[in-house]
Amino acid sequence: MTWDDMMASNLRIGPQEYAMGPVAGIDATPPVPGIAPDIDRTRGGG
């Protein structure tokens, strides 16, 4: 199978719609170099 074959295919292997924005359960705070993450919070333990 070639790249052209894949691009010409009508087979849908991805989502029908991409929803961008906040995701429940994922902290939006970016990591800070040199500071360890709060393990209990990142694993859902508290």
PDB file of N, CA and C in Angstrom:
ATOM      1  N   MET A   1       0.847  -1.173   0.000  1.00  0.00           N
ATOM      2  CA  MET A   1       0.000   0.000   0.000  1.00  0.00           C
ATOM      3  C   MET A   1       0.894   1.239   0.000  1.00  0.00           C
ATOM      4  N   THR A   2       0.549   2.190  -0.805  1.00  0.00           N
ATOM      5  CA  THR A   2       1.337   3.418  -0.901  1.00  0.00           C
ATOM      6  C   THR A   2       0.636   4.548  -0.151  1.00  0.00           C
ATOM      7  N   TRP A   3       1.355   5.649   0.030  1.00  0.00           N
ATOM      8  CA  TRP A   3       0.775   6.829   0.670  1.00  0.00           C
ATOM      9  C   TRP A   3      -0.420   7.335  -0.142  1.00  0.00           C
ATOM     10  N   ASP A   4      -0.288   7.322  -1.453  1.00  0.00           N
ATOM     11  CA  ASP A   4      -1.393   7.766  -2.318  1.00  0.00           C
ATOM     12  C   ASP A   4      -2.623   6.879  -2.138  1.00  0.00           C
ATOM     13  N   ASP A   5      -2.412   5.579  -1.974  1.00  0.00           N
ATOM     14  CA  ASP A   5      -3.536   4.669  -1.728  1.00  0.00           C
ATOM     15  C   ASP A   5      -4.248   5.030  -0.427  1.00  0.00           C
ATOM     16  N   MET A   6      -3.473   5.317   0.606  1.00  0.00           N
ATOM     17  CA  MET A   6      -4.069   5.664   1.897  1.00  0.00           C
ATOM     18  C   MET A   6      -4.828   6.983   1.813  1.00  0.00           C
ATOM     19  N   MET A   7      -4.258   7.957   1.129  1.00  0.00           N
ATOM     20  CA  MET A   7      -4.910   9.263   1.038  1.00  0.00           C
ATOM     21  C   MET A   7      -6.169   9.212   0.172  1.00  0.00           C
ATOM     22  N   ALA A   8      -6.218   8.301  -0.785  1.00  0.00           N
ATOM     23  CA  ALA A   8      -7.384   8.171  -1.659  1.00  0.00           C
ATOM     24  C   ALA A   8      -8.470   7.286  -1.047  1.00  0.00           C
ATOM     25  N   SER A   9      -8.161   6.605   0.049  1.00  0.00           N
ATOM     26  CA  SER A   9      -9.105   5.685   0.675  1.00  0.00           C
ATOM     27  C   SER A   9     -10.210   6.455   1.394  1.00  0.00           C
ATOM     28  N   ASN A  10     -11.399   5.873   1.426  1.00  0.00           N
ATOM     29  CA  ASN A  10     -12.493   6.470   2.184  1.00  0.00           C
ATOM     30  C   ASN A  10     -12.624   5.833   3.569  1.00  0.00           C
ATOM     31  N   LEU A  11     -11.674   4.983   3.936  1.00  0.00           N
ATOM     32  CA  LEU A  11     -11.667   4.349   5.247  1.00  0.00           C
ATOM     33  C   LEU A  11     -11.345   5.383   6.316  1.00  0.00           C
ATOM     34  N   ARG A  12     -12.197   5.497   7.315  1.00  0.00           N
ATOM     35  CA  ARG A  12     -12.017   6.486   8.386  1.00  0.00           C
ATOM     36  C   ARG A  12     -11.449   5.772   9.614  1.00  0.00           C
ATOM     37  N   ILE A  13     -10.183   6.044   9.960  1.00  0.00           N
ATOM     38  CA  ILE A  13      -9.582   5.371  11.111  1.00  0.00           C
ATOM     39  C   ILE A  13      -9.340   6.329  12.277  1.00  0.00           C
ATOM     40  N   GLY A  14      -9.688   7.581  12.122  1.00  0.00           N
ATOM     41  CA  GLY A  14      -9.528   8.566  13.192  1.00  0.00           C
ATOM     42  C   GLY A  14     -10.884   9.052  13.670  1.00  0.00           C
ATOM     43  N   PRO A  15     -10.879   9.984  14.602  1.00  0.00           N
ATOM     44  CA  PRO A  15     -12.147  10.510  15.098  1.00  0.00           C
ATOM     45  C   PRO A  15     -12.884  11.317  14.024  1.00  0.00           C
ATOM     46  N   GLN A  16     -14.191  11.375  14.150  1.00  0.00           N
ATOM     47  CA  GLN A  16     -14.999  12.166  13.221  1.00  0.00           C
ATOM     48  C   GLN A  16     -14.832  13.653  13.483  1.00  0.00           C
ATOM     49  N   GLU A  17     -14.530  13.989  14.743  1.00  0.00           N
ATOM     50  CA  GLU A  17     -14.430  15.384  15.132  1.00  0.00           C
ATOM     51  C   GLU A  17     -13.355  15.511  16.210  1.00  0.00           C
ATOM     52  N   TYR A  18     -12.556  16.548  16.124  1.00  0.00           N
ATOM     53  CA  TYR A  18     -11.527  16.820  17.125  1.00  0.00           C
ATOM     54  C   TYR A  18     -12.034  17.933  18.030  1.00  0.00           C
ATOM     55  N   ALA A  19     -12.151  17.645  19.319  1.00  0.00           N
ATOM     56  CA  ALA A  19     -12.621  18.636  20.284  1.00  0.00           C
ATOM     57  C   ALA A  19     -11.411  19.142  21.064  1.00  0.00           C
ATOM     58  N   MET A  20     -11.074  20.408  20.866  1.00  0.00           N
ATOM     59  CA  MET A  20      -9.943  21.004  21.560  1.00  0.00           C
ATOM     60  C   MET A  20     -10.453  21.761  22.786  1.00  0.00           C
ATOM     61  N   GLY A  21      -9.616  21.839  23.794  1.00  0.00           N
ATOM     62  CA  GLY A  21      -9.978  22.591  24.987  1.00  0.00           C
ATOM     63  C   GLY A  21      -9.623  21.823  26.240  1.00  0.00           C
ATOM     64  N   PRO A  22     -10.135  22.268  27.386  1.00  0.00           N
ATOM     65  CA  PRO A  22      -9.815  21.618  28.655  1.00  0.00           C
ATOM     66  C   PRO A  22     -10.284  20.166  28.680  1.00  0.00           C
ATOM     67  N   VAL A  23      -9.509  19.326  29.347  1.00  0.00           N
ATOM     68  CA  VAL A  23      -9.846  17.919  29.494  1.00  0.00           C
ATOM     69  C   VAL A  23     -10.021  17.641  30.982  1.00  0.00           C
ATOM     70  N   ALA A  24     -11.149  17.056  31.340  1.00  0.00           N
ATOM     71  CA  ALA A  24     -11.423  16.756  32.746  1.00  0.00           C
ATOM     72  C   ALA A  24     -10.369  15.814  33.309  1.00  0.00           C
ATOM     73  N   GLY A  25      -9.857  16.128  34.489  1.00  0.00           N
ATOM     74  CA  GLY A  25      -8.894  15.258  35.157  1.00  0.00           C
ATOM     75  C   GLY A  25      -7.449  15.528  34.808  1.00  0.00           C
ATOM     76  N   ILE A  26      -7.187  16.452  33.902  1.00  0.00           N
ATOM     77  CA  ILE A  26      -5.806  16.775  33.536  1.00  0.00           C
ATOM     78  C   ILE A  26      -5.530  18.214  33.946  1.00  0.00           C
ATOM     79  N   ASP A  27      -4.501  18.384  34.782  1.00  0.00           N
ATOM     80  CA  ASP A  27      -4.136  19.707  35.265  1.00  0.00           C
ATOM     81  C   ASP A  27      -3.533  20.519  34.118  1.00  0.00           C
ATOM     82  N   ALA A  28      -4.022  21.742  33.944  1.00  0.00           N
ATOM     83  CA  ALA A  28      -3.552  22.589  32.853  1.00  0.00           C
ATOM     84  C   ALA A  28      -2.282  23.354  33.206  1.00  0.00           C
ATOM     85  N   THR A  29      -1.767  23.179  34.429  1.00  0.00           N
ATOM     86  CA  THR A  29      -0.561  23.878  34.850  1.00  0.00           C
ATOM     87  C   THR A  29       0.661  23.215  34.228  1.00  0.00           C
ATOM     88  N   PRO A  30       1.479  23.960  33.491  1.00  0.00           N
ATOM     89  CA  PRO A  30       2.654  23.351  32.870  1.00  0.00           C
ATOM     90  C   PRO A  30       3.696  22.983  33.920  1.00  0.00           C
ATOM     91  N   PRO A  31       4.493  21.965  33.653  1.00  0.00           N
ATOM     92  CA  PRO A  31       5.545  21.583  34.596  1.00  0.00           C
ATOM     93  C   PRO A  31       6.612  22.674  34.697  1.00  0.00           C
ATOM     94  N   VAL A  32       7.246  22.759  35.854  1.00  0.00           N
ATOM     95  CA  VAL A  32       8.295  23.742  36.089  1.00  0.00           C
ATOM     96  C   VAL A  32       9.610  22.986  36.264  1.00  0.00           C
ATOM     97  N   PRO A  33      10.615  23.271  35.436  1.00  0.00           N
ATOM     98  CA  PRO A  33      11.895  22.578  35.563  1.00  0.00           C
ATOM     99  C   PRO A  33      12.489  22.775  36.966  1.00  0.00           C
ATOM    100  N   GLY A  34      12.928  21.677  37.552  1.00  0.00           N
ATOM    101  CA  GLY A  34      13.565  21.734  38.857  1.00  0.00           C
ATOM    102  C   GLY A  34      12.620  21.579  40.029  1.00  0.00           C
ATOM    103  N   ILE A  35      11.328  21.536  39.783  1.00  0.00           N
ATOM    104  CA  ILE A  35      10.343  21.345  40.853  1.00  0.00           C
ATOM    105  C   ILE A  35       9.582  20.052  40.580  1.00  0.00           C
ATOM    106  N   ALA A  36       9.635  19.145  41.548  1.00  0.00           N
ATOM    107  CA  ALA A  36       8.975  17.840  41.396  1.00  0.00           C
ATOM    108  C   ALA A  36       7.453  18.014  41.426  1.00  0.00           C
ATOM    109  N   PRO A  37       6.737  17.245  40.614  1.00  0.00           N
ATOM    110  CA  PRO A  37       5.275  17.345  40.642  1.00  0.00           C
ATOM    111  C   PRO A  37       4.715  16.767  41.931  1.00  0.00           C
ATOM    112  N   ASP A  38       3.509  17.189  42.292  1.00  0.00           N
ATOM    113  CA  ASP A  38       2.814  16.647  43.442  1.00  0.00           C
ATOM    114  C   ASP A  38       2.253  15.290  43.003  1.00  0.00           C
ATOM    115  N   ILE A  39       2.929  14.199  43.398  1.00  0.00           N
ATOM    116  CA  ILE A  39       2.591  12.857  42.915  1.00  0.00           C
ATOM    117  C   ILE A  39       1.169  12.461  43.282  1.00  0.00           C
ATOM    118  N   ASP A  40       0.722  12.750  44.495  1.00  0.00           N
ATOM    119  CA  ASP A  40      -0.637  12.364  44.892  1.00  0.00           C
ATOM    120  C   ASP A  40      -1.674  13.027  44.003  1.00  0.00           C
ATOM    121  N   ARG A  41      -1.476  14.291  43.674  1.00  0.00           N
ATOM    122  CA  ARG A  41      -2.430  15.021  42.845  1.00  0.00           C
ATOM    123  C   ARG A  41      -2.410  14.528  41.412  1.00  0.00           C
ATOM    124  N   THR A  42      -1.212  14.239  40.863  1.00  0.00           N
ATOM    125  CA  THR A  42      -1.126  13.819  39.462  1.00  0.00           C
ATOM    126  C   THR A  42      -1.636  12.397  39.267  1.00  0.00           C
ATOM    127  N   ARG A  43      -1.639  11.587  40.312  1.00  0.00           N
ATOM    128  CA  ARG A  43      -2.153  10.215  40.204  1.00  0.00           C
ATOM    129  C   ARG A  43      -3.588  10.098  40.665  1.00  0.00           C
ATOM    130  N   GLY A  44      -4.193  11.207  40.979  1.00  0.00           N
ATOM    131  CA  GLY A  44      -5.584  11.180  41.399  1.00  0.00           C
ATOM    132  C   GLY A  44      -5.767  10.750  42.844  1.00  0.00           C
ATOM    133  N   GLY A  45      -4.720  10.796  43.637  1.00  0.00           N
ATOM    134  CA  GLY A  45      -4.812  10.322  45.018  1.00  0.00           C
ATOM    135  C   GLY A  45      -5.226  11.372  46.008  1.00  0.00           C
ATOM    136  N   GLY A  46      -5.523  12.578  45.599  1.00  0.00           N
ATOM    137  CA  GLY A  46      -5.897  13.536  46.617  1.00  0.00           C
ATOM    138  C   GLY A  46      -6.310  14.783  46.077  1.00  0.00           C
TER     139      GLY A  46
END
